[in-house]
Amino acid sequence: VRSRETILLSLLVEAAWREGRDLGL
């Protein structure tokens, strides 16, 4: 809820995975 890093990374990872795209570091 409070961590900007958590919220941003979660948005990015979830968006990629919903599209079926692999995502490395």
PDBML (XML) file of the C-alpha atoms, coordinates in Angstrom:
<?xml version="1.0" encoding="UTF-8" ?>
<PDBx:datablock datablockName="MODEL"
   xmlns:PDBx="http://pdbml.pdb.org/schema/pdbx-v50.xsd"
   xmlns:xsi="http://www.w3.org/2001/XMLSchema-instance"
   xsi:schemaLocation="http://pdbml.pdb.org/schema/pdbx-v50.xsd pdbx-v50.xsd">
   <PDBx:atom_siteCategory>
      <PDBx:atom_site id="1">
         <PDBx:B_iso_or_equiv>0.00</PDBx:B_iso_or_equiv>
         <PDBx:Cartn_x>0.000</PDBx:Cartn_x>
         <PDBx:Cartn_y>0.000</PDBx:Cartn_y>
         <PDBx:Cartn_z>0.000</PDBx:Cartn_z>
         <PDBx:auth_asym_id>A</PDBx:auth_asym_id>
         <PDBx:auth_atom_id>CA</PDBx:auth_atom_id>
         <PDBx:auth_comp_id>VAL</PDBx:auth_comp_id>
         <PDBx:auth_seq_id>1</PDBx:auth_seq_id>
         <PDBx:group_PDB>ATOM</PDBx:group_PDB>
         <PDBx:label_alt_id xsi:nil="true" />
         <PDBx:label_asym_id>A</PDBx:label_asym_id>
         <PDBx:label_atom_id>CA</PDBx:label_atom_id>
         <PDBx:label_comp_id>VAL</PDBx:label_comp_id>
         <PDBx:label_entity_id>1</PDBx:label_entity_id>
         <PDBx:label_seq_id>1</PDBx:label_seq_id>
         <PDBx:occupancy>1.00</PDBx:occupancy>
         <PDBx:pdbx_PDB_model_num>1</PDBx:pdbx_PDB_model_num>
         <PDBx:type_symbol>C</PDBx:type_symbol>
      </PDBx:atom_site>
      <PDBx:atom_site id="2">
         <PDBx:B_iso_or_equiv>0.00</PDBx:B_iso_or_equiv>
         <PDBx:Cartn_x>2.728</PDBx:Cartn_x>
         <PDBx:Cartn_y>2.489</PDBx:Cartn_y>
         <PDBx:Cartn_z>0.950</PDBx:Cartn_z>
         <PDBx:auth_asym_id>A</PDBx:auth_asym_id>
         <PDBx:auth_atom_id>CA</PDBx:auth_atom_id>
         <PDBx:auth_comp_id>ARG</PDBx:auth_comp_id>
         <PDBx:auth_seq_id>2</PDBx:auth_seq_id>
         <PDBx:group_PDB>ATOM</PDBx:group_PDB>
         <PDBx:label_alt_id xsi:nil="true" />
         <PDBx:label_asym_id>A</PDBx:label_asym_id>
         <PDBx:label_atom_id>CA</PDBx:label_atom_id>
         <PDBx:label_comp_id>ARG</PDBx:label_comp_id>
         <PDBx:label_entity_id>1</PDBx:label_entity_id>
         <PDBx:label_seq_id>2</PDBx:label_seq_id>
         <PDBx:occupancy>1.00</PDBx:occupancy>
         <PDBx:pdbx_PDB_model_num>1</PDBx:pdbx_PDB_model_num>
         <PDBx:type_symbol>C</PDBx:type_symbol>
      </PDBx:atom_site>
      <PDBx:atom_site id="3">
         <PDBx:B_iso_or_equiv>0.00</PDBx:B_iso_or_equiv>
         <PDBx:Cartn_x>5.760</PDBx:Cartn_x>
         <PDBx:Cartn_y>1.418</PDBx:Cartn_y>
         <PDBx:Cartn_z>-1.048</PDBx:Cartn_z>
         <PDBx:auth_asym_id>A</PDBx:auth_asym_id>
         <PDBx:auth_atom_id>CA</PDBx:auth_atom_id>
         <PDBx:auth_comp_id>SER</PDBx:auth_comp_id>
         <PDBx:auth_seq_id>3</PDBx:auth_seq_id>
         <PDBx:group_PDB>ATOM</PDBx:group_PDB>
         <PDBx:label_alt_id xsi:nil="true" />
         <PDBx:label_asym_id>A</PDBx:label_asym_id>
         <PDBx:label_atom_id>CA</PDBx:label_atom_id>
         <PDBx:label_comp_id>SER</PDBx:label_comp_id>
         <PDBx:label_entity_id>1</PDBx:label_entity_id>
         <PDBx:label_seq_id>3</PDBx:label_seq_id>
         <PDBx:occupancy>1.00</PDBx:occupancy>
         <PDBx:pdbx_PDB_model_num>1</PDBx:pdbx_PDB_model_num>
         <PDBx:type_symbol>C</PDBx:type_symbol>
      </PDBx:atom_site>
      <PDBx:atom_site id="4">
         <PDBx:B_iso_or_equiv>0.00</PDBx:B_iso_or_equiv>
         <PDBx:Cartn_x>6.039</PDBx:Cartn_x>
         <PDBx:Cartn_y>3.192</PDBx:Cartn_y>
         <PDBx:Cartn_z>-4.400</PDBx:Cartn_z>
         <PDBx:auth_asym_id>A</PDBx:auth_asym_id>
         <PDBx:auth_atom_id>CA</PDBx:auth_atom_id>
         <PDBx:auth_comp_id>ARG</PDBx:auth_comp_id>
         <PDBx:auth_seq_id>4</PDBx:auth_seq_id>
         <PDBx:group_PDB>ATOM</PDBx:group_PDB>
         <PDBx:label_alt_id xsi:nil="true" />
         <PDBx:label_asym_id>A</PDBx:label_asym_id>
         <PDBx:label_atom_id>CA</PDBx:label_atom_id>
         <PDBx:label_comp_id>ARG</PDBx:label_comp_id>
         <PDBx:label_entity_id>1</PDBx:label_entity_id>
         <PDBx:label_seq_id>4</PDBx:label_seq_id>
         <PDBx:occupancy>1.00</PDBx:occupancy>
         <PDBx:pdbx_PDB_model_num>1</PDBx:pdbx_PDB_model_num>
         <PDBx:type_symbol>C</PDBx:type_symbol>
      </PDBx:atom_site>
      <PDBx:atom_site id="5">
         <PDBx:B_iso_or_equiv>0.00</PDBx:B_iso_or_equiv>
         <PDBx:Cartn_x>8.561</PDBx:Cartn_x>
         <PDBx:Cartn_y>0.589</PDBx:Cartn_y>
         <PDBx:Cartn_z>-5.517</PDBx:Cartn_z>
         <PDBx:auth_asym_id>A</PDBx:auth_asym_id>
         <PDBx:auth_atom_id>CA</PDBx:auth_atom_id>
         <PDBx:auth_comp_id>GLU</PDBx:auth_comp_id>
         <PDBx:auth_seq_id>5</PDBx:auth_seq_id>
         <PDBx:group_PDB>ATOM</PDBx:group_PDB>
         <PDBx:label_alt_id xsi:nil="true" />
         <PDBx:label_asym_id>A</PDBx:label_asym_id>
         <PDBx:label_atom_id>CA</PDBx:label_atom_id>
         <PDBx:label_comp_id>GLU</PDBx:label_comp_id>
         <PDBx:label_entity_id>1</PDBx:label_entity_id>
         <PDBx:label_seq_id>5</PDBx:label_seq_id>
         <PDBx:occupancy>1.00</PDBx:occupancy>
         <PDBx:pdbx_PDB_model_num>1</PDBx:pdbx_PDB_model_num>
         <PDBx:type_symbol>C</PDBx:type_symbol>
      </PDBx:atom_site>
      <PDBx:atom_site id="6">
         <PDBx:B_iso_or_equiv>0.00</PDBx:B_iso_or_equiv>
         <PDBx:Cartn_x>6.181</PDBx:Cartn_x>
         <PDBx:Cartn_y>-2.262</PDBx:Cartn_y>
         <PDBx:Cartn_z>-4.755</PDBx:Cartn_z>
         <PDBx:auth_asym_id>A</PDBx:auth_asym_id>
         <PDBx:auth_atom_id>CA</PDBx:auth_atom_id>
         <PDBx:auth_comp_id>THR</PDBx:auth_comp_id>
         <PDBx:auth_seq_id>6</PDBx:auth_seq_id>
         <PDBx:group_PDB>ATOM</PDBx:group_PDB>
         <PDBx:label_alt_id xsi:nil="true" />
         <PDBx:label_asym_id>A</PDBx:label_asym_id>
         <PDBx:label_atom_id>CA</PDBx:label_atom_id>
         <PDBx:label_comp_id>THR</PDBx:label_comp_id>
         <PDBx:label_entity_id>1</PDBx:label_entity_id>
         <PDBx:label_seq_id>6</PDBx:label_seq_id>
         <PDBx:occupancy>1.00</PDBx:occupancy>
         <PDBx:pdbx_PDB_model_num>1</PDBx:pdbx_PDB_model_num>
         <PDBx:type_symbol>C</PDBx:type_symbol>
      </PDBx:atom_site>
      <PDBx:atom_site id="7">
         <PDBx:B_iso_or_equiv>0.00</PDBx:B_iso_or_equiv>
         <PDBx:Cartn_x>3.232</PDBx:Cartn_x>
         <PDBx:Cartn_y>-0.619</PDBx:Cartn_y>
         <PDBx:Cartn_z>-6.493</PDBx:Cartn_z>
         <PDBx:auth_asym_id>A</PDBx:auth_asym_id>
         <PDBx:auth_atom_id>CA</PDBx:auth_atom_id>
         <PDBx:auth_comp_id>ILE</PDBx:auth_comp_id>
         <PDBx:auth_seq_id>7</PDBx:auth_seq_id>
         <PDBx:group_PDB>ATOM</PDBx:group_PDB>
         <PDBx:label_alt_id xsi:nil="true" />
         <PDBx:label_asym_id>A</PDBx:label_asym_id>
         <PDBx:label_atom_id>CA</PDBx:label_atom_id>
         <PDBx:label_comp_id>ILE</PDBx:label_comp_id>
         <PDBx:label_entity_id>1</PDBx:label_entity_id>
         <PDBx:label_seq_id>7</PDBx:label_seq_id>
         <PDBx:occupancy>1.00</PDBx:occupancy>
         <PDBx:pdbx_PDB_model_num>1</PDBx:pdbx_PDB_model_num>
         <PDBx:type_symbol>C</PDBx:type_symbol>
      </PDBx:atom_site>
      <PDBx:atom_site id="8">
         <PDBx:B_iso_or_equiv>0.00</PDBx:B_iso_or_equiv>
         <PDBx:Cartn_x>5.159</PDBx:Cartn_x>
         <PDBx:Cartn_y>0.289</PDBx:Cartn_y>
         <PDBx:Cartn_z>-9.641</PDBx:Cartn_z>
         <PDBx:auth_asym_id>A</PDBx:auth_asym_id>
         <PDBx:auth_atom_id>CA</PDBx:auth_atom_id>
         <PDBx:auth_comp_id>LEU</PDBx:auth_comp_id>
         <PDBx:auth_seq_id>8</PDBx:auth_seq_id>
         <PDBx:group_PDB>ATOM</PDBx:group_PDB>
         <PDBx:label_alt_id xsi:nil="true" />
         <PDBx:label_asym_id>A</PDBx:label_asym_id>
         <PDBx:label_atom_id>CA</PDBx:label_atom_id>
         <PDBx:label_comp_id>LEU</PDBx:label_comp_id>
         <PDBx:label_entity_id>1</PDBx:label_entity_id>
         <PDBx:label_seq_id>8</PDBx:label_seq_id>
         <PDBx:occupancy>1.00</PDBx:occupancy>
         <PDBx:pdbx_PDB_model_num>1</PDBx:pdbx_PDB_model_num>
         <PDBx:type_symbol>C</PDBx:type_symbol>
      </PDBx:atom_site>
      <PDBx:atom_site id="9">
         <PDBx:B_iso_or_equiv>0.00</PDBx:B_iso_or_equiv>
         <PDBx:Cartn_x>6.936</PDBx:Cartn_x>
         <PDBx:Cartn_y>-3.043</PDBx:Cartn_y>
         <PDBx:Cartn_z>-10.039</PDBx:Cartn_z>
         <PDBx:auth_asym_id>A</PDBx:auth_asym_id>
         <PDBx:auth_atom_id>CA</PDBx:auth_atom_id>
         <PDBx:auth_comp_id>LEU</PDBx:auth_comp_id>
         <PDBx:auth_seq_id>9</PDBx:auth_seq_id>
         <PDBx:group_PDB>ATOM</PDBx:group_PDB>
         <PDBx:label_alt_id xsi:nil="true" />
         <PDBx:label_asym_id>A</PDBx:label_asym_id>
         <PDBx:label_atom_id>CA</PDBx:label_atom_id>
         <PDBx:label_comp_id>LEU</PDBx:label_comp_id>
         <PDBx:label_entity_id>1</PDBx:label_entity_id>
         <PDBx:label_seq_id>9</PDBx:label_seq_id>
         <PDBx:occupancy>1.00</PDBx:occupancy>
         <PDBx:pdbx_PDB_model_num>1</PDBx:pdbx_PDB_model_num>
         <PDBx:type_symbol>C</PDBx:type_symbol>
      </PDBx:atom_site>
      <PDBx:atom_site id="10">
         <PDBx:B_iso_or_equiv>0.00</PDBx:B_iso_or_equiv>
         <PDBx:Cartn_x>3.696</PDBx:Cartn_x>
         <PDBx:Cartn_y>-4.922</PDBx:Cartn_y>
         <PDBx:Cartn_z>-9.398</PDBx:Cartn_z>
         <PDBx:auth_asym_id>A</PDBx:auth_asym_id>
         <PDBx:auth_atom_id>CA</PDBx:auth_atom_id>
         <PDBx:auth_comp_id>SER</PDBx:auth_comp_id>
         <PDBx:auth_seq_id>10</PDBx:auth_seq_id>
         <PDBx:group_PDB>ATOM</PDBx:group_PDB>
         <PDBx:label_alt_id xsi:nil="true" />
         <PDBx:label_asym_id>A</PDBx:label_asym_id>
         <PDBx:label_atom_id>CA</PDBx:label_atom_id>
         <PDBx:label_comp_id>SER</PDBx:label_comp_id>
         <PDBx:label_entity_id>1</PDBx:label_entity_id>
         <PDBx:label_seq_id>10</PDBx:label_seq_id>
         <PDBx:occupancy>1.00</PDBx:occupancy>
         <PDBx:pdbx_PDB_model_num>1</PDBx:pdbx_PDB_model_num>
         <PDBx:type_symbol>C</PDBx:type_symbol>
      </PDBx:atom_site>
      <PDBx:atom_site id="11">
         <PDBx:B_iso_or_equiv>0.00</PDBx:B_iso_or_equiv>
         <PDBx:Cartn_x>1.918</PDBx:Cartn_x>
         <PDBx:Cartn_y>-2.931</PDBx:Cartn_y>
         <PDBx:Cartn_z>-12.105</PDBx:Cartn_z>
         <PDBx:auth_asym_id>A</PDBx:auth_asym_id>
         <PDBx:auth_atom_id>CA</PDBx:auth_atom_id>
         <PDBx:auth_comp_id>LEU</PDBx:auth_comp_id>
         <PDBx:auth_seq_id>11</PDBx:auth_seq_id>
         <PDBx:group_PDB>ATOM</PDBx:group_PDB>
         <PDBx:label_alt_id xsi:nil="true" />
         <PDBx:label_asym_id>A</PDBx:label_asym_id>
         <PDBx:label_atom_id>CA</PDBx:label_atom_id>
         <PDBx:label_comp_id>LEU</PDBx:label_comp_id>
         <PDBx:label_entity_id>1</PDBx:label_entity_id>
         <PDBx:label_seq_id>11</PDBx:label_seq_id>
         <PDBx:occupancy>1.00</PDBx:occupancy>
         <PDBx:pdbx_PDB_model_num>1</PDBx:pdbx_PDB_model_num>
         <PDBx:type_symbol>C</PDBx:type_symbol>
      </PDBx:atom_site>
      <PDBx:atom_site id="12">
         <PDBx:B_iso_or_equiv>0.00</PDBx:B_iso_or_equiv>
         <PDBx:Cartn_x>4.720</PDBx:Cartn_x>
         <PDBx:Cartn_y>-3.595</PDBx:Cartn_y>
         <PDBx:Cartn_z>-14.592</PDBx:Cartn_z>
         <PDBx:auth_asym_id>A</PDBx:auth_asym_id>
         <PDBx:auth_atom_id>CA</PDBx:auth_atom_id>
         <PDBx:auth_comp_id>LEU</PDBx:auth_comp_id>
         <PDBx:auth_seq_id>12</PDBx:auth_seq_id>
         <PDBx:group_PDB>ATOM</PDBx:group_PDB>
         <PDBx:label_alt_id xsi:nil="true" />
         <PDBx:label_asym_id>A</PDBx:label_asym_id>
         <PDBx:label_atom_id>CA</PDBx:label_atom_id>
         <PDBx:label_comp_id>LEU</PDBx:label_comp_id>
         <PDBx:label_entity_id>1</PDBx:label_entity_id>
         <PDBx:label_seq_id>12</PDBx:label_seq_id>
         <PDBx:occupancy>1.00</PDBx:occupancy>
         <PDBx:pdbx_PDB_model_num>1</PDBx:pdbx_PDB_model_num>
         <PDBx:type_symbol>C</PDBx:type_symbol>
      </PDBx:atom_site>
      <PDBx:atom_site id="13">
         <PDBx:B_iso_or_equiv>0.00</PDBx:B_iso_or_equiv>
         <PDBx:Cartn_x>5.057</PDBx:Cartn_x>
         <PDBx:Cartn_y>-7.311</PDBx:Cartn_y>
         <PDBx:Cartn_z>-13.862</PDBx:Cartn_z>
         <PDBx:auth_asym_id>A</PDBx:auth_asym_id>
         <PDBx:auth_atom_id>CA</PDBx:auth_atom_id>
         <PDBx:auth_comp_id>VAL</PDBx:auth_comp_id>
         <PDBx:auth_seq_id>13</PDBx:auth_seq_id>
         <PDBx:group_PDB>ATOM</PDBx:group_PDB>
         <PDBx:label_alt_id xsi:nil="true" />
         <PDBx:label_asym_id>A</PDBx:label_asym_id>
         <PDBx:label_atom_id>CA</PDBx:label_atom_id>
         <PDBx:label_comp_id>VAL</PDBx:label_comp_id>
         <PDBx:label_entity_id>1</PDBx:label_entity_id>
         <PDBx:label_seq_id>13</PDBx:label_seq_id>
         <PDBx:occupancy>1.00</PDBx:occupancy>
         <PDBx:pdbx_PDB_model_num>1</PDBx:pdbx_PDB_model_num>
         <PDBx:type_symbol>C</PDBx:type_symbol>
      </PDBx:atom_site>
      <PDBx:atom_site id="14">
         <PDBx:B_iso_or_equiv>0.00</PDBx:B_iso_or_equiv>
         <PDBx:Cartn_x>1.313</PDBx:Cartn_x>
         <PDBx:Cartn_y>-7.959</PDBx:Cartn_y>
         <PDBx:Cartn_z>-13.821</PDBx:Cartn_z>
         <PDBx:auth_asym_id>A</PDBx:auth_asym_id>
         <PDBx:auth_atom_id>CA</PDBx:auth_atom_id>
         <PDBx:auth_comp_id>GLU</PDBx:auth_comp_id>
         <PDBx:auth_seq_id>14</PDBx:auth_seq_id>
         <PDBx:group_PDB>ATOM</PDBx:group_PDB>
         <PDBx:label_alt_id xsi:nil="true" />
         <PDBx:label_asym_id>A</PDBx:label_asym_id>
         <PDBx:label_atom_id>CA</PDBx:label_atom_id>
         <PDBx:label_comp_id>GLU</PDBx:label_comp_id>
         <PDBx:label_entity_id>1</PDBx:label_entity_id>
         <PDBx:label_seq_id>14</PDBx:label_seq_id>
         <PDBx:occupancy>1.00</PDBx:occupancy>
         <PDBx:pdbx_PDB_model_num>1</PDBx:pdbx_PDB_model_num>
         <PDBx:type_symbol>C</PDBx:type_symbol>
      </PDBx:atom_site>
      <PDBx:atom_site id="15">
         <PDBx:B_iso_or_equiv>0.00</PDBx:B_iso_or_equiv>
         <PDBx:Cartn_x>0.763</PDBx:Cartn_x>
         <PDBx:Cartn_y>-6.080</PDBx:Cartn_y>
         <PDBx:Cartn_z>-17.101</PDBx:Cartn_z>
         <PDBx:auth_asym_id>A</PDBx:auth_asym_id>
         <PDBx:auth_atom_id>CA</PDBx:auth_atom_id>
         <PDBx:auth_comp_id>ALA</PDBx:auth_comp_id>
         <PDBx:auth_seq_id>15</PDBx:auth_seq_id>
         <PDBx:group_PDB>ATOM</PDBx:group_PDB>
         <PDBx:label_alt_id xsi:nil="true" />
         <PDBx:label_asym_id>A</PDBx:label_asym_id>
         <PDBx:label_atom_id>CA</PDBx:label_atom_id>
         <PDBx:label_comp_id>ALA</PDBx:label_comp_id>
         <PDBx:label_entity_id>1</PDBx:label_entity_id>
         <PDBx:label_seq_id>15</PDBx:label_seq_id>
         <PDBx:occupancy>1.00</PDBx:occupancy>
         <PDBx:pdbx_PDB_model_num>1</PDBx:pdbx_PDB_model_num>
         <PDBx:type_symbol>C</PDBx:type_symbol>
      </PDBx:atom_site>
      <PDBx:atom_site id="16">
         <PDBx:B_iso_or_equiv>0.00</PDBx:B_iso_or_equiv>
         <PDBx:Cartn_x>3.492</PDBx:Cartn_x>
         <PDBx:Cartn_y>-8.086</PDBx:Cartn_y>
         <PDBx:Cartn_z>-18.850</PDBx:Cartn_z>
         <PDBx:auth_asym_id>A</PDBx:auth_asym_id>
         <PDBx:auth_atom_id>CA</PDBx:auth_atom_id>
         <PDBx:auth_comp_id>ALA</PDBx:auth_comp_id>
         <PDBx:auth_seq_id>16</PDBx:auth_seq_id>
         <PDBx:group_PDB>ATOM</PDBx:group_PDB>
         <PDBx:label_alt_id xsi:nil="true" />
         <PDBx:label_asym_id>A</PDBx:label_asym_id>
         <PDBx:label_atom_id>CA</PDBx:label_atom_id>
         <PDBx:label_comp_id>ALA</PDBx:label_comp_id>
         <PDBx:label_entity_id>1</PDBx:label_entity_id>
         <PDBx:label_seq_id>16</PDBx:label_seq_id>
         <PDBx:occupancy>1.00</PDBx:occupancy>
         <PDBx:pdbx_PDB_model_num>1</PDBx:pdbx_PDB_model_num>
         <PDBx:type_symbol>C</PDBx:type_symbol>
      </PDBx:atom_site>
      <PDBx:atom_site id="17">
         <PDBx:B_iso_or_equiv>0.00</PDBx:B_iso_or_equiv>
         <PDBx:Cartn_x>2.275</PDBx:Cartn_x>
         <PDBx:Cartn_y>-11.411</PDBx:Cartn_y>
         <PDBx:Cartn_z>-17.491</PDBx:Cartn_z>
         <PDBx:auth_asym_id>A</PDBx:auth_asym_id>
         <PDBx:auth_atom_id>CA</PDBx:auth_atom_id>
         <PDBx:auth_comp_id>TRP</PDBx:auth_comp_id>
         <PDBx:auth_seq_id>17</PDBx:auth_seq_id>
         <PDBx:group_PDB>ATOM</PDBx:group_PDB>
         <PDBx:label_alt_id xsi:nil="true" />
         <PDBx:label_asym_id>A</PDBx:label_asym_id>
         <PDBx:label_atom_id>CA</PDBx:label_atom_id>
         <PDBx:label_comp_id>TRP</PDBx:label_comp_id>
         <PDBx:label_entity_id>1</PDBx:label_entity_id>
         <PDBx:label_seq_id>17</PDBx:label_seq_id>
         <PDBx:occupancy>1.00</PDBx:occupancy>
         <PDBx:pdbx_PDB_model_num>1</PDBx:pdbx_PDB_model_num>
         <PDBx:type_symbol>C</PDBx:type_symbol>
      </PDBx:atom_site>
      <PDBx:atom_site id="18">
         <PDBx:B_iso_or_equiv>0.00</PDBx:B_iso_or_equiv>
         <PDBx:Cartn_x>-1.358</PDBx:Cartn_x>
         <PDBx:Cartn_y>-10.746</PDBx:Cartn_y>
         <PDBx:Cartn_z>-18.383</PDBx:Cartn_z>
         <PDBx:auth_asym_id>A</PDBx:auth_asym_id>
         <PDBx:auth_atom_id>CA</PDBx:auth_atom_id>
         <PDBx:auth_comp_id>ARG</PDBx:auth_comp_id>
         <PDBx:auth_seq_id>18</PDBx:auth_seq_id>
         <PDBx:group_PDB>ATOM</PDBx:group_PDB>
         <PDBx:label_alt_id xsi:nil="true" />
         <PDBx:label_asym_id>A</PDBx:label_asym_id>
         <PDBx:label_atom_id>CA</PDBx:label_atom_id>
         <PDBx:label_comp_id>ARG</PDBx:label_comp_id>
         <PDBx:label_entity_id>1</PDBx:label_entity_id>
         <PDBx:label_seq_id>18</PDBx:label_seq_id>
         <PDBx:occupancy>1.00</PDBx:occupancy>
         <PDBx:pdbx_PDB_model_num>1</PDBx:pdbx_PDB_model_num>
         <PDBx:type_symbol>C</PDBx:type_symbol>
      </PDBx:atom_site>
      <PDBx:atom_site id="19">
         <PDBx:B_iso_or_equiv>0.00</PDBx:B_iso_or_equiv>
         <PDBx:Cartn_x>-0.174</PDBx:Cartn_x>
         <PDBx:Cartn_y>-10.368</PDBx:Cartn_y>
         <PDBx:Cartn_z>-21.981</PDBx:Cartn_z>
         <PDBx:auth_asym_id>A</PDBx:auth_asym_id>
         <PDBx:auth_atom_id>CA</PDBx:auth_atom_id>
         <PDBx:auth_comp_id>GLU</PDBx:auth_comp_id>
         <PDBx:auth_seq_id>19</PDBx:auth_seq_id>
         <PDBx:group_PDB>ATOM</PDBx:group_PDB>
         <PDBx:label_alt_id xsi:nil="true" />
         <PDBx:label_asym_id>A</PDBx:label_asym_id>
         <PDBx:label_atom_id>CA</PDBx:label_atom_id>
         <PDBx:label_comp_id>GLU</PDBx:label_comp_id>
         <PDBx:label_entity_id>1</PDBx:label_entity_id>
         <PDBx:label_seq_id>19</PDBx:label_seq_id>
         <PDBx:occupancy>1.00</PDBx:occupancy>
         <PDBx:pdbx_PDB_model_num>1</PDBx:pdbx_PDB_model_num>
         <PDBx:type_symbol>C</PDBx:type_symbol>
      </PDBx:atom_site>
      <PDBx:atom_site id="20">
         <PDBx:B_iso_or_equiv>0.00</PDBx:B_iso_or_equiv>
         <PDBx:Cartn_x>1.805</PDBx:Cartn_x>
         <PDBx:Cartn_y>-13.612</PDBx:Cartn_y>
         <PDBx:Cartn_z>-21.721</PDBx:Cartn_z>
         <PDBx:auth_asym_id>A</PDBx:auth_asym_id>
         <PDBx:auth_atom_id>CA</PDBx:auth_atom_id>
         <PDBx:auth_comp_id>GLY</PDBx:auth_comp_id>
         <PDBx:auth_seq_id>20</PDBx:auth_seq_id>
         <PDBx:group_PDB>ATOM</PDBx:group_PDB>
         <PDBx:label_alt_id xsi:nil="true" />
         <PDBx:label_asym_id>A</PDBx:label_asym_id>
         <PDBx:label_atom_id>CA</PDBx:label_atom_id>
         <PDBx:label_comp_id>GLY</PDBx:label_comp_id>
         <PDBx:label_entity_id>1</PDBx:label_entity_id>
         <PDBx:label_seq_id>20</PDBx:label_seq_id>
         <PDBx:occupancy>1.00</PDBx:occupancy>
         <PDBx:pdbx_PDB_model_num>1</PDBx:pdbx_PDB_model_num>
         <PDBx:type_symbol>C</PDBx:type_symbol>
      </PDBx:atom_site>
      <PDBx:atom_site id="21">
         <PDBx:B_iso_or_equiv>0.00</PDBx:B_iso_or_equiv>
         <PDBx:Cartn_x>5.154</PDBx:Cartn_x>
         <PDBx:Cartn_y>-11.820</PDBx:Cartn_y>
         <PDBx:Cartn_z>-21.987</PDBx:Cartn_z>
         <PDBx:auth_asym_id>A</PDBx:auth_asym_id>
         <PDBx:auth_atom_id>CA</PDBx:auth_atom_id>
         <PDBx:auth_comp_id>ARG</PDBx:auth_comp_id>
         <PDBx:auth_seq_id>21</PDBx:auth_seq_id>
         <PDBx:group_PDB>ATOM</PDBx:group_PDB>
         <PDBx:label_alt_id xsi:nil="true" />
         <PDBx:label_asym_id>A</PDBx:label_asym_id>
         <PDBx:label_atom_id>CA</PDBx:label_atom_id>
         <PDBx:label_comp_id>ARG</PDBx:label_comp_id>
         <PDBx:label_entity_id>1</PDBx:label_entity_id>
         <PDBx:label_seq_id>21</PDBx:label_seq_id>
         <PDBx:occupancy>1.00</PDBx:occupancy>
         <PDBx:pdbx_PDB_model_num>1</PDBx:pdbx_PDB_model_num>
         <PDBx:type_symbol>C</PDBx:type_symbol>
      </PDBx:atom_site>
      <PDBx:atom_site id="22">
         <PDBx:B_iso_or_equiv>0.00</PDBx:B_iso_or_equiv>
         <PDBx:Cartn_x>8.210</PDBx:Cartn_x>
         <PDBx:Cartn_y>-13.103</PDBx:Cartn_y>
         <PDBx:Cartn_z>-20.135</PDBx:Cartn_z>
         <PDBx:auth_asym_id>A</PDBx:auth_asym_id>
         <PDBx:auth_atom_id>CA</PDBx:auth_atom_id>
         <PDBx:auth_comp_id>ASP</PDBx:auth_comp_id>
         <PDBx:auth_seq_id>22</PDBx:auth_seq_id>
         <PDBx:group_PDB>ATOM</PDBx:group_PDB>
         <PDBx:label_alt_id xsi:nil="true" />
         <PDBx:label_asym_id>A</PDBx:label_asym_id>
         <PDBx:label_atom_id>CA</PDBx:label_atom_id>
         <PDBx:label_comp_id>ASP</PDBx:label_comp_id>
         <PDBx:label_entity_id>1</PDBx:label_entity_id>
         <PDBx:label_seq_id>22</PDBx:label_seq_id>
         <PDBx:occupancy>1.00</PDBx:occupancy>
         <PDBx:pdbx_PDB_model_num>1</PDBx:pdbx_PDB_model_num>
         <PDBx:type_symbol>C</PDBx:type_symbol>
      </PDBx:atom_site>
      <PDBx:atom_site id="23">
         <PDBx:B_iso_or_equiv>0.00</PDBx:B_iso_or_equiv>
         <PDBx:Cartn_x>10.033</PDBx:Cartn_x>
         <PDBx:Cartn_y>-10.502</PDBx:Cartn_y>
         <PDBx:Cartn_z>-18.080</PDBx:Cartn_z>
         <PDBx:auth_asym_id>A</PDBx:auth_asym_id>
         <PDBx:auth_atom_id>CA</PDBx:auth_atom_id>
         <PDBx:auth_comp_id>LEU</PDBx:auth_comp_id>
         <PDBx:auth_seq_id>23</PDBx:auth_seq_id>
         <PDBx:group_PDB>ATOM</PDBx:group_PDB>
         <PDBx:label_alt_id xsi:nil="true" />
         <PDBx:label_asym_id>A</PDBx:label_asym_id>
         <PDBx:label_atom_id>CA</PDBx:label_atom_id>
         <PDBx:label_comp_id>LEU</PDBx:label_comp_id>
         <PDBx:label_entity_id>1</PDBx:label_entity_id>
         <PDBx:label_seq_id>23</PDBx:label_seq_id>
         <PDBx:occupancy>1.00</PDBx:occupancy>
         <PDBx:pdbx_PDB_model_num>1</PDBx:pdbx_PDB_model_num>
         <PDBx:type_symbol>C</PDBx:type_symbol>
      </PDBx:atom_site>
      <PDBx:atom_site id="24">
         <PDBx:B_iso_or_equiv>0.00</PDBx:B_iso_or_equiv>
         <PDBx:Cartn_x>13.653</PDBx:Cartn_x>
         <PDBx:Cartn_y>-10.765</PDBx:Cartn_y>
         <PDBx:Cartn_z>-16.956</PDBx:Cartn_z>
         <PDBx:auth_asym_id>A</PDBx:auth_asym_id>
         <PDBx:auth_atom_id>CA</PDBx:auth_atom_id>
         <PDBx:auth_comp_id>GLY</PDBx:auth_comp_id>
         <PDBx:auth_seq_id>24</PDBx:auth_seq_id>
         <PDBx:group_PDB>ATOM</PDBx:group_PDB>
         <PDBx:label_alt_id xsi:nil="true" />
         <PDBx:label_asym_id>A</PDBx:label_asym_id>
         <PDBx:label_atom_id>CA</PDBx:label_atom_id>
         <PDBx:label_comp_id>GLY</PDBx:label_comp_id>
         <PDBx:label_entity_id>1</PDBx:label_entity_id>
         <PDBx:label_seq_id>24</PDBx:label_seq_id>
         <PDBx:occupancy>1.00</PDBx:occupancy>
         <PDBx:pdbx_PDB_model_num>1</PDBx:pdbx_PDB_model_num>
         <PDBx:type_symbol>C</PDBx:type_symbol>
      </PDBx:atom_site>
      <PDBx:atom_site id="25">
         <PDBx:B_iso_or_equiv>0.00</PDBx:B_iso_or_equiv>
         <PDBx:Cartn_x>15.459</PDBx:Cartn_x>
         <PDBx:Cartn_y>-8.318</PDBx:Cartn_y>
         <PDBx:Cartn_z>-14.710</PDBx:Cartn_z>
         <PDBx:auth_asym_id>A</PDBx:auth_asym_id>
         <PDBx:auth_atom_id>CA</PDBx:auth_atom_id>
         <PDBx:auth_comp_id>LEU</PDBx:auth_comp_id>
         <PDBx:auth_seq_id>25</PDBx:auth_seq_id>
         <PDBx:group_PDB>ATOM</PDBx:group_PDB>
         <PDBx:label_alt_id xsi:nil="true" />
         <PDBx:label_asym_id>A</PDBx:label_asym_id>
         <PDBx:label_atom_id>CA</PDBx:label_atom_id>
         <PDBx:label_comp_id>LEU</PDBx:label_comp_id>
         <PDBx:label_entity_id>1</PDBx:label_entity_id>
         <PDBx:label_seq_id>25</PDBx:label_seq_id>
         <PDBx:occupancy>1.00</PDBx:occupancy>
         <PDBx:pdbx_PDB_model_num>1</PDBx:pdbx_PDB_model_num>
         <PDBx:type_symbol>C</PDBx:type_symbol>
      </PDBx:atom_site>
   </PDBx:atom_siteCategory>
</PDBx:datablock>
